[in-house]
Amino acid sequence: ERPREFLIHALERMKFAKLTDVEYPYLVDESNLDAMFEMLDTASQGYITLVQYKGALKTLGLSTQDLPYEEDATITLETFKKEVKKLLQESWAIYQS
């Protein structure tokens, strides 16, 4: 609703995390990940394809290289959330030092 305030708050949280060496904040929370998964799982099957998963990662600006899945793999909501959080945390690691 107020993107400028959101970005200012997010940047302040990131600055605080860097100064205090605490975990960086997620800009994407659980409800965002749930909503993204639901949009991808249009048939409500409880899973998405690897192609859909890779598309979501690219949308979030995350790497799709070295994913530990076969081309015919299906990704559940729990796996989706766990892996996206992990990849987001790894992407922030370059700013920690």
PDB file of N, CA and C in Angstrom:
ATOM      1  N   GLU A   1       0.813  -1.187   0.000  1.00  0.00           N
ATOM      2  CA  GLU A   1       0.000   0.000   0.000  1.00  0.00           C
ATOM      3  C   GLU A   1       0.861   1.257   0.000  1.00  0.00           C
ATOM      4  N   ARG A   2       1.941   1.229   0.776  1.00  0.00           N
ATOM      5  CA  ARG A   2       2.840   2.376   0.846  1.00  0.00           C
ATOM      6  C   ARG A   2       4.254   1.883   0.562  1.00  0.00           C
ATOM      7  N   PRO A   3       4.595   1.716  -0.704  1.00  0.00           N
ATOM      8  CA  PRO A   3       5.874   1.092  -1.055  1.00  0.00           C
ATOM      9  C   PRO A   3       7.104   1.854  -0.563  1.00  0.00           C
ATOM     10  N   ARG A   4       7.027   3.171  -0.567  1.00  0.00           N
ATOM     11  CA  ARG A   4       8.190   3.940  -0.117  1.00  0.00           C
ATOM     12  C   ARG A   4       8.496   3.662   1.355  1.00  0.00           C
ATOM     13  N   GLU A   5       7.471   3.691   2.193  1.00  0.00           N
ATOM     14  CA  GLU A   5       7.656   3.422   3.614  1.00  0.00           C
ATOM     15  C   GLU A   5       8.136   1.996   3.842  1.00  0.00           C
ATOM     16  N   PHE A   6       7.590   1.066   3.061  1.00  0.00           N
ATOM     17  CA  PHE A   6       8.015  -0.331   3.168  1.00  0.00           C
ATOM     18  C   PHE A   6       9.509  -0.458   2.871  1.00  0.00           C
ATOM     19  N   LEU A   7       9.962   0.168   1.784  1.00  0.00           N
ATOM     20  CA  LEU A   7      11.374   0.082   1.407  1.00  0.00           C
ATOM     21  C   LEU A   7      12.281   0.751   2.436  1.00  0.00           C
ATOM     22  N   ILE A   8      11.862   1.891   2.948  1.00  0.00           N
ATOM     23  CA  ILE A   8      12.653   2.571   3.977  1.00  0.00           C
ATOM     24  C   ILE A   8      12.785   1.680   5.204  1.00  0.00           C
ATOM     25  N   HIS A   9      11.672   1.097   5.634  1.00  0.00           N
ATOM     26  CA  HIS A   9      11.690   0.211   6.798  1.00  0.00           C
ATOM     27  C   HIS A   9      12.573  -1.016   6.537  1.00  0.00           C
ATOM     28  N   ALA A  10      12.468  -1.594   5.347  1.00  0.00           N
ATOM     29  CA  ALA A  10      13.273  -2.768   5.000  1.00  0.00           C
ATOM     30  C   ALA A  10      14.759  -2.423   5.004  1.00  0.00           C
ATOM     31  N   LEU A  11      15.116  -1.280   4.448  1.00  0.00           N
ATOM     32  CA  LEU A  11      16.523  -0.865   4.435  1.00  0.00           C
ATOM     33  C   LEU A  11      17.045  -0.597   5.844  1.00  0.00           C
ATOM     34  N   GLU A  12      16.213  -0.031   6.697  1.00  0.00           N
ATOM     35  CA  GLU A  12      16.615   0.188   8.087  1.00  0.00           C
ATOM     36  C   GLU A  12      16.860  -1.140   8.795  1.00  0.00           C
ATOM     37  N   ARG A  13      16.006  -2.130   8.539  1.00  0.00           N
ATOM     38  CA  ARG A  13      16.186  -3.455   9.144  1.00  0.00           C
ATOM     39  C   ARG A  13      17.467  -4.114   8.639  1.00  0.00           C
ATOM     40  N   MET A  14      17.762  -3.947   7.354  1.00  0.00           N
ATOM     41  CA  MET A  14      18.990  -4.520   6.799  1.00  0.00           C
ATOM     42  C   MET A  14      20.223  -3.848   7.394  1.00  0.00           C
ATOM     43  N   LYS A  15      20.168  -2.536   7.546  1.00  0.00           N
ATOM     44  CA  LYS A  15      21.286  -1.800   8.137  1.00  0.00           C
ATOM     45  C   LYS A  15      21.515  -2.263   9.575  1.00  0.00           C
ATOM     46  N   PHE A  16      20.430  -2.399  10.332  1.00  0.00           N
ATOM     47  CA  PHE A  16      20.524  -2.873  11.707  1.00  0.00           C
ATOM     48  C   PHE A  16      21.127  -4.275  11.747  1.00  0.00           C
ATOM     49  N   ALA A  17      20.689  -5.143  10.845  1.00  0.00           N
ATOM     50  CA  ALA A  17      21.208  -6.513  10.809  1.00  0.00           C
ATOM     51  C   ALA A  17      22.702  -6.523  10.531  1.00  0.00           C
ATOM     52  N   LYS A  18      23.134  -5.675   9.634  1.00  0.00           N
ATOM     53  CA  LYS A  18      24.567  -5.622   9.304  1.00  0.00           C
ATOM     54  C   LYS A  18      25.379  -5.107  10.488  1.00  0.00           C
ATOM     55  N   LEU A  19      24.880  -4.083  11.163  1.00  0.00           N
ATOM     56  CA  LEU A  19      25.612  -3.496  12.283  1.00  0.00           C
ATOM     57  C   LEU A  19      25.654  -4.409  13.500  1.00  0.00           C
ATOM     58  N   THR A  20      24.620  -5.177  13.717  1.00  0.00           N
ATOM     59  CA  THR A  20      24.526  -6.004  14.918  1.00  0.00           C
ATOM     60  C   THR A  20      24.807  -7.473  14.669  1.00  0.00           C
ATOM     61  N   ASP A  21      25.070  -7.842  13.426  1.00  0.00           N
ATOM     62  CA  ASP A  21      25.385  -9.222  13.061  1.00  0.00           C
ATOM     63  C   ASP A  21      24.242 -10.192  13.389  1.00  0.00           C
ATOM     64  N   VAL A  22      23.014  -9.711  13.256  1.00  0.00           N
ATOM     65  CA  VAL A  22      21.863 -10.601  13.401  1.00  0.00           C
ATOM     66  C   VAL A  22      21.419 -11.046  12.011  1.00  0.00           C
ATOM     67  N   GLU A  23      20.530 -12.026  11.977  1.00  0.00           N
ATOM     68  CA  GLU A  23      20.054 -12.549  10.699  1.00  0.00           C
ATOM     69  C   GLU A  23      19.345 -11.457   9.905  1.00  0.00           C
ATOM     70  N   TYR A  24      19.624 -11.422   8.620  1.00  0.00           N
ATOM     71  CA  TYR A  24      18.993 -10.431   7.752  1.00  0.00           C
ATOM     72  C   TYR A  24      17.497 -10.698   7.641  1.00  0.00           C
ATOM     73  N   PRO A  25      16.706  -9.643   7.559  1.00  0.00           N
ATOM     74  CA  PRO A  25      15.248  -9.817   7.468  1.00  0.00           C
ATOM     75  C   PRO A  25      14.839 -10.346   6.099  1.00  0.00           C
ATOM     76  N   TYR A  26      13.774 -11.114   6.102  1.00  0.00           N
ATOM     77  CA  TYR A  26      13.211 -11.585   4.844  1.00  0.00           C
ATOM     78  C   TYR A  26      12.293 -10.504   4.301  1.00  0.00           C
ATOM     79  N   LEU A  27      12.465 -10.148   3.053  1.00  0.00           N
ATOM     80  CA  LEU A  27      11.552  -9.198   2.427  1.00  0.00           C
ATOM     81  C   LEU A  27      10.300  -9.909   1.952  1.00  0.00           C
ATOM     82  N   VAL A  28      10.381 -11.225   1.903  1.00  0.00           N
ATOM     83  CA  VAL A  28       9.246 -12.052   1.504  1.00  0.00           C
ATOM     84  C   VAL A  28       8.882 -12.885   2.726  1.00  0.00           C
ATOM     85  N   ASP A  29       7.674 -12.722   3.246  1.00  0.00           N
ATOM     86  CA  ASP A  29       7.301 -13.476   4.438  1.00  0.00           C
ATOM     87  C   ASP A  29       6.494 -14.724   4.071  1.00  0.00           C
ATOM     88  N   GLU A  30       6.108 -15.475   5.102  1.00  0.00           N
ATOM     89  CA  GLU A  30       5.384 -16.739   4.908  1.00  0.00           C
ATOM     90  C   GLU A  30       4.120 -16.562   4.070  1.00  0.00           C
ATOM     91  N   SER A  31       3.365 -15.517   4.347  1.00  0.00           N
ATOM     92  CA  SER A  31       2.112 -15.325   3.610  1.00  0.00           C
ATOM     93  C   SER A  31       2.378 -15.030   2.139  1.00  0.00           C
ATOM     94  N   ASN A  32       3.480 -14.321   1.849  1.00  0.00           N
ATOM     95  CA  ASN A  32       3.847 -14.068   0.455  1.00  0.00           C
ATOM     96  C   ASN A  32       4.204 -15.365  -0.256  1.00  0.00           C
ATOM     97  N   LEU A  33       4.954 -16.225   0.430  1.00  0.00           N
ATOM     98  CA  LEU A  33       5.339 -17.505  -0.169  1.00  0.00           C
ATOM     99  C   LEU A  33       4.123 -18.401  -0.367  1.00  0.00           C
ATOM    100  N   ASP A  34       3.217 -18.404   0.610  1.00  0.00           N
ATOM    101  CA  ASP A  34       1.978 -19.179   0.465  1.00  0.00           C
ATOM    102  C   ASP A  34       1.185 -18.700  -0.746  1.00  0.00           C
ATOM    103  N   ALA A  35       1.054 -17.389  -0.878  1.00  0.00           N
ATOM    104  CA  ALA A  35       0.287 -16.818  -1.994  1.00  0.00           C
ATOM    105  C   ALA A  35       0.947 -17.121  -3.331  1.00  0.00           C
ATOM    106  N   MET A  36       2.273 -17.019  -3.375  1.00  0.00           N
ATOM    107  CA  MET A  36       2.980 -17.312  -4.621  1.00  0.00           C
ATOM    108  C   MET A  36       2.771 -18.772  -5.022  1.00  0.00           C
ATOM    109  N   PHE A  37       2.884 -19.666  -4.048  1.00  0.00           N
ATOM    110  CA  PHE A  37       2.697 -21.089  -4.331  1.00  0.00           C
ATOM    111  C   PHE A  37       1.276 -21.360  -4.819  1.00  0.00           C
ATOM    112  N   GLU A  38       0.302 -20.760  -4.167  1.00  0.00           N
ATOM    113  CA  GLU A  38      -1.099 -20.952  -4.575  1.00  0.00           C
ATOM    114  C   GLU A  38      -1.341 -20.476  -6.001  1.00  0.00           C
ATOM    115  N   MET A  39      -0.697 -19.386  -6.391  1.00  0.00           N
ATOM    116  CA  MET A  39      -0.851 -18.897  -7.766  1.00  0.00           C
ATOM    117  C   MET A  39      -0.245 -19.876  -8.768  1.00  0.00           C
ATOM    118  N   LEU A  40       0.833 -20.527  -8.371  1.00  0.00           N
ATOM    119  CA  LEU A  40       1.480 -21.490  -9.257  1.00  0.00           C
ATOM    120  C   LEU A  40       0.729 -22.816  -9.300  1.00  0.00           C
ATOM    121  N   ASP A  41       0.170 -23.214  -8.177  1.00  0.00           N
ATOM    122  CA  ASP A  41      -0.568 -24.482  -8.073  1.00  0.00           C
ATOM    123  C   ASP A  41      -2.045 -24.230  -8.386  1.00  0.00           C
ATOM    124  N   THR A  42      -2.326 -23.891  -9.628  1.00  0.00           N
ATOM    125  CA  THR A  42      -3.681 -23.494 -10.020  1.00  0.00           C
ATOM    126  C   THR A  42      -4.699 -24.618  -9.886  1.00  0.00           C
ATOM    127  N   ALA A  43      -4.255 -25.863  -9.969  1.00  0.00           N
ATOM    128  CA  ALA A  43      -5.173 -27.001  -9.853  1.00  0.00           C
ATOM    129  C   ALA A  43      -5.296 -27.488  -8.411  1.00  0.00           C
ATOM    130  N   SER A  44      -4.652 -26.809  -7.483  1.00  0.00           N
ATOM    131  CA  SER A  44      -4.672 -27.181  -6.059  1.00  0.00           C
ATOM    132  C   SER A  44      -4.278 -28.640  -5.846  1.00  0.00           C
ATOM    133  N   GLN A  45      -3.208 -29.051  -6.507  1.00  0.00           N
ATOM    134  CA  GLN A  45      -2.732 -30.430  -6.389  1.00  0.00           C
ATOM    135  C   GLN A  45      -1.794 -30.618  -5.197  1.00  0.00           C
ATOM    136  N   GLY A  46      -1.330 -29.516  -4.625  1.00  0.00           N
ATOM    137  CA  GLY A  46      -0.411 -29.612  -3.501  1.00  0.00           C
ATOM    138  C   GLY A  46       1.049 -29.625  -3.912  1.00  0.00           C
ATOM    139  N   TYR A  47       1.296 -29.429  -5.190  1.00  0.00           N
ATOM    140  CA  TYR A  47       2.671 -29.369  -5.677  1.00  0.00           C
ATOM    141  C   TYR A  47       2.734 -28.533  -6.950  1.00  0.00           C
ATOM    142  N   ILE A  48       3.965 -28.122  -7.284  1.00  0.00           N
ATOM    143  CA  ILE A  48       4.214 -27.426  -8.543  1.00  0.00           C
ATOM    144  C   ILE A  48       5.327 -28.169  -9.271  1.00  0.00           C
ATOM    145  N   THR A  49       5.468 -27.885 -10.550  1.00  0.00           N
ATOM    146  CA  THR A  49       6.515 -28.534 -11.334  1.00  0.00           C
ATOM    147  C   THR A  49       7.845 -27.812 -11.135  1.00  0.00           C
ATOM    148  N   LEU A  50       8.899 -28.469 -11.557  1.00  0.00           N
ATOM    149  CA  LEU A  50      10.219 -27.860 -11.471  1.00  0.00           C
ATOM    150  C   LEU A  50      10.294 -26.606 -12.340  1.00  0.00           C
ATOM    151  N   VAL A  51       9.638 -26.620 -13.485  1.00  0.00           N
ATOM    152  CA  VAL A  51       9.618 -25.445 -14.364  1.00  0.00           C
ATOM    153  C   VAL A  51       8.964 -24.263 -13.645  1.00  0.00           C
ATOM    154  N   GLN A  52       7.850 -24.510 -12.958  1.00  0.00           N
ATOM    155  CA  GLN A  52       7.177 -23.449 -12.206  1.00  0.00           C
ATOM    156  C   GLN A  52       8.066 -22.946 -11.065  1.00  0.00           C
ATOM    157  N   TYR A  53       8.716 -23.878 -10.399  1.00  0.00           N
ATOM    158  CA  TYR A  53       9.610 -23.536  -9.292  1.00  0.00           C
ATOM    159  C   TYR A  53      10.749 -22.641  -9.776  1.00  0.00           C
ATOM    160  N   LYS A  54      11.369 -23.036 -10.879  1.00  0.00           N
ATOM    161  CA  LYS A  54      12.457 -22.230 -11.438  1.00  0.00           C
ATOM    162  C   LYS A  54      11.961 -20.836 -11.834  1.00  0.00           C
ATOM    163  N   GLY A  55      10.767 -20.762 -12.382  1.00  0.00           N
ATOM    164  CA  GLY A  55      10.190 -19.470 -12.745  1.00  0.00           C
ATOM    165  C   GLY A  55       9.998 -18.581 -11.534  1.00  0.00           C
ATOM    166  N   ALA A  56       9.537 -19.171 -10.433  1.00  0.00           N
ATOM    167  CA  ALA A  56       9.351 -18.405  -9.196  1.00  0.00           C
ATOM    168  C   ALA A  56      10.693 -17.902  -8.672  1.00  0.00           C
ATOM    169  N   LEU A  57      11.699 -18.751  -8.710  1.00  0.00           N
ATOM    170  CA  LEU A  57      13.026 -18.339  -8.247  1.00  0.00           C
ATOM    171  C   LEU A  57      13.563 -17.187  -9.085  1.00  0.00           C
ATOM    172  N   LYS A  58      13.401 -17.288 -10.390  1.00  0.00           N
ATOM    173  CA  LYS A  58      13.864 -16.214 -11.273  1.00  0.00           C
ATOM    174  C   LYS A  58      13.121 -14.915 -10.981  1.00  0.00           C
ATOM    175  N   THR A  59      11.819 -15.015 -10.732  1.00  0.00           N
ATOM    176  CA  THR A  59      11.021 -13.834 -10.402  1.00  0.00           C
ATOM    177  C   THR A  59      11.543 -13.151  -9.139  1.00  0.00           C
ATOM    178  N   LEU A  60      12.000 -13.951  -8.195  1.00  0.00           N
ATOM    179  CA  LEU A  60      12.535 -13.415  -6.943  1.00  0.00           C
ATOM    180  C   LEU A  60      14.005 -13.011  -7.061  1.00  0.00           C
ATOM    181  N   GLY A  61      14.580 -13.205  -8.238  1.00  0.00           N
ATOM    182  CA  GLY A  61      15.978 -12.844  -8.444  1.00  0.00           C
ATOM    183  C   GLY A  61      16.955 -13.843  -7.868  1.00  0.00           C
ATOM    184  N   LEU A  62      16.512 -15.085  -7.709  1.00  0.00           N
ATOM    185  CA  LEU A  62      17.351 -16.124  -7.117  1.00  0.00           C
ATOM    186  C   LEU A  62      17.891 -17.061  -8.190  1.00  0.00           C
ATOM    187  N   SER A  63      18.994 -17.690  -7.887  1.00  0.00           N
ATOM    188  CA  SER A  63      19.649 -18.589  -8.835  1.00  0.00           C
ATOM    189  C   SER A  63      18.874 -19.900  -8.990  1.00  0.00           C
ATOM    190  N   THR A  64      18.874 -20.405 -10.207  1.00  0.00           N
ATOM    191  CA  THR A  64      18.263 -21.714 -10.470  1.00  0.00           C
ATOM    192  C   THR A  64      19.336 -22.749 -10.800  1.00  0.00           C
ATOM    193  N   GLN A  65      20.586 -22.367 -10.657  1.00  0.00           N
ATOM    194  CA  GLN A  65      21.677 -23.304 -10.917  1.00  0.00           C
ATOM    195  C   GLN A  65      21.851 -24.250  -9.744  1.00  0.00           C
ATOM    196  N   ASP A  66      22.284 -25.434 -10.040  1.00  0.00           N
ATOM    197  CA  ASP A  66      22.616 -26.441  -9.027  1.00  0.00           C
ATOM    198  C   ASP A  66      21.438 -26.839  -8.142  1.00  0.00           C
ATOM    199  N   LEU A  67      20.234 -26.809  -8.679  1.00  0.00           N
ATOM    200  CA  LEU A  67      19.084 -27.274  -7.903  1.00  0.00           C
ATOM    201  C   LEU A  67      19.143 -28.798  -7.815  1.00  0.00           C
ATOM    202  N   PRO A  68      18.863 -29.366  -6.637  1.00  0.00           N
ATOM    203  CA  PRO A  68      19.015 -30.812  -6.450  1.00  0.00           C
ATOM    204  C   PRO A  68      17.790 -31.625  -6.884  1.00  0.00           C
ATOM    205  N   TYR A  69      17.176 -31.247  -7.987  1.00  0.00           N
ATOM    206  CA  TYR A  69      15.952 -31.919  -8.409  1.00  0.00           C
ATOM    207  C   TYR A  69      16.072 -32.403  -9.847  1.00  0.00           C
ATOM    208  N   GLU A  70      15.424 -33.542 -10.124  1.00  0.00           N
ATOM    209  CA  GLU A  70      15.331 -34.059 -11.490  1.00  0.00           C
ATOM    210  C   GLU A  70      14.301 -33.224 -12.243  1.00  0.00           C
ATOM    211  N   GLU A  71      14.346 -33.262 -13.563  1.00  0.00           N
ATOM    212  CA  GLU A  71      13.439 -32.456 -14.389  1.00  0.00           C
ATOM    213  C   GLU A  71      11.958 -32.783 -14.162  1.00  0.00           C
ATOM    214  N   ASP A  72      11.645 -34.021 -13.752  1.00  0.00           N
ATOM    215  CA  ASP A  72      10.245 -34.398 -13.540  1.00  0.00           C
ATOM    216  C   ASP A  72       9.818 -34.274 -12.069  1.00  0.00           C
ATOM    217  N   ALA A  73      10.629 -33.598 -11.271  1.00  0.00           N
ATOM    218  CA  ALA A  73      10.336 -33.453  -9.841  1.00  0.00           C
ATOM    219  C   ALA A  73       9.112 -32.576  -9.610  1.00  0.00           C
ATOM    220  N   THR A  74       8.453 -32.832  -8.491  1.00  0.00           N
ATOM    221  CA  THR A  74       7.365 -31.966  -8.049  1.00  0.00           C
ATOM    222  C   THR A  74       7.786 -31.347  -6.713  1.00  0.00           C
ATOM    223  N   ILE A  75       7.401 -30.103  -6.517  1.00  0.00           N
ATOM    224  CA  ILE A  75       7.815 -29.334  -5.344  1.00  0.00           C
ATOM    225  C   ILE A  75       6.578 -29.032  -4.500  1.00  0.00           C
ATOM    226  N   THR A  76       6.587 -29.474  -3.246  1.00  0.00           N
ATOM    227  CA  THR A  76       5.470 -29.211  -2.337  1.00  0.00           C
ATOM    228  C   THR A  76       5.604 -27.813  -1.731  1.00  0.00           C
ATOM    229  N   LEU A  77       4.542 -27.368  -1.088  1.00  0.00           N
ATOM    230  CA  LEU A  77       4.555 -26.052  -0.439  1.00  0.00           C
ATOM    231  C   LEU A  77       5.665 -25.967   0.600  1.00  0.00           C
ATOM    232  N   GLU A  78       5.787 -26.989   1.435  1.00  0.00           N
ATOM    233  CA  GLU A  78       6.809 -26.957   2.486  1.00  0.00           C
ATOM    234  C   GLU A  78       8.211 -26.887   1.901  1.00  0.00           C
ATOM    235  N   THR A  79       8.463 -27.677   0.862  1.00  0.00           N
ATOM    236  CA  THR A  79       9.768 -27.640   0.199  1.00  0.00           C
ATOM    237  C   THR A  79       9.991 -26.275  -0.431  1.00  0.00           C
ATOM    238  N   PHE A  80       8.972 -25.754  -1.085  1.00  0.00           N
ATOM    239  CA  PHE A  80       9.052 -24.446  -1.730  1.00  0.00           C
ATOM    240  C   PHE A  80       9.458 -23.380  -0.719  1.00  0.00           C
ATOM    241  N   LYS A  81       8.758 -23.325   0.410  1.00  0.00           N
ATOM    242  CA  LYS A  81       9.044 -22.301   1.412  1.00  0.00           C
ATOM    243  C   LYS A  81      10.441 -22.478   2.006  1.00  0.00           C
ATOM    244  N   LYS A  82      10.791 -23.709   2.335  1.00  0.00           N
ATOM    245  CA  LYS A  82      12.098 -23.976   2.932  1.00  0.00           C
ATOM    246  C   LYS A  82      13.226 -23.588   1.983  1.00  0.00           C
ATOM    247  N   GLU A  83      13.110 -23.997   0.737  1.00  0.00           N
ATOM    248  CA  GLU A  83      14.171 -23.732  -0.236  1.00  0.00           C
ATOM    249  C   GLU A  83      14.266 -22.250  -0.597  1.00  0.00           C
ATOM    250  N   VAL A  84      13.131 -21.589  -0.766  1.00  0.00           N
ATOM    251  CA  VAL A  84      13.165 -20.160  -1.094  1.00  0.00           C
ATOM    252  C   VAL A  84      13.793 -19.376   0.059  1.00  0.00           C
ATOM    253  N   LYS A  85      13.428 -19.689   1.279  1.00  0.00           N
ATOM    254  CA  LYS A  85      14.026 -19.007   2.435  1.00  0.00           C
ATOM    255  C   LYS A  85      15.533 -19.228   2.471  1.00  0.00           C
ATOM    256  N   LYS A  86      15.949 -20.474   2.218  1.00  0.00           N
ATOM    257  CA  LYS A  86      17.376 -20.789   2.214  1.00  0.00           C
ATOM    258  C   LYS A  86      18.107 -19.994   1.131  1.00  0.00           C
ATOM    259  N   LEU A  87      17.547 -19.962  -0.060  1.00  0.00           N
ATOM    260  CA  LEU A  87      18.181 -19.231  -1.159  1.00  0.00           C
ATOM    261  C   LEU A  87      18.198 -17.727  -0.904  1.00  0.00           C
ATOM    262  N   LEU A  88      17.150 -17.203  -0.289  1.00  0.00           N
ATOM    263  CA  LEU A  88      17.140 -15.781   0.064  1.00  0.00           C
ATOM    264  C   LEU A  88      18.233 -15.473   1.082  1.00  0.00           C
ATOM    265  N   GLN A  89      18.363 -16.341   2.076  1.00  0.00           N
ATOM    266  CA  GLN A  89      19.395 -16.142   3.095  1.00  0.00           C
ATOM    267  C   GLN A  89      20.782 -16.196   2.469  1.00  0.00           C
ATOM    268  N   GLU A  90      20.991 -17.138   1.555  1.00  0.00           N
ATOM    269  CA  GLU A  90      22.284 -17.236   0.874  1.00  0.00           C
ATOM    270  C   GLU A  90      22.560 -15.986   0.045  1.00  0.00           C
ATOM    271  N   SER A  91      21.519 -15.439  -0.558  1.00  0.00           N
ATOM    272  CA  SER A  91      21.725 -14.242  -1.379  1.00  0.00           C
ATOM    273  C   SER A  91      22.107 -13.039  -0.522  1.00  0.00           C
ATOM    274  N   TRP A  92      21.646 -13.005   0.725  1.00  0.00           N
ATOM    275  CA  TRP A  92      22.001 -11.904   1.625  1.00  0.00           C
ATOM    276  C   TRP A  92      23.398 -12.083   2.193  1.00  0.00           C
ATOM    277  N   ALA A  93      23.926 -13.298   2.164  1.00  0.00           N
ATOM    278  CA  ALA A  93      25.224 -13.577   2.785  1.00  0.00           C
ATOM    279  C   ALA A  93      26.338 -12.722   2.194  1.00  0.00           C
ATOM    280  N   ILE A  94      26.222 -12.348   0.941  1.00  0.00           N
ATOM    281  CA  ILE A  94      27.279 -11.538   0.326  1.00  0.00           C
ATOM    282  C   ILE A  94      27.365 -10.143   0.937  1.00  0.00           C
ATOM    283  N   TYR A  95      26.314  -9.711   1.614  1.00  0.00           N
ATOM    284  CA  TYR A  95      26.303  -8.381   2.230  1.00  0.00           C
ATOM    285  C   TYR A  95      26.749  -8.417   3.683  1.00  0.00           C
ATOM    286  N   GLN A  96      26.974  -9.597   4.211  1.00  0.00           N
ATOM    287  CA  GLN A  96      27.362  -9.741   5.610  1.00  0.00           C
ATOM    288  C   GLN A  96      28.882  -9.821   5.704  1.00  0.00           C
ATOM    289  N   SER A  97      29.515  -8.770   6.028  1.00  0.00           N
ATOM    290  CA  SER A  97      30.952  -8.759   6.315  1.00  0.00           C
ATOM    291  C   SER A  97      31.475  -7.355   6.361  1.00  0.00           C
TER     292      SER A  97
END
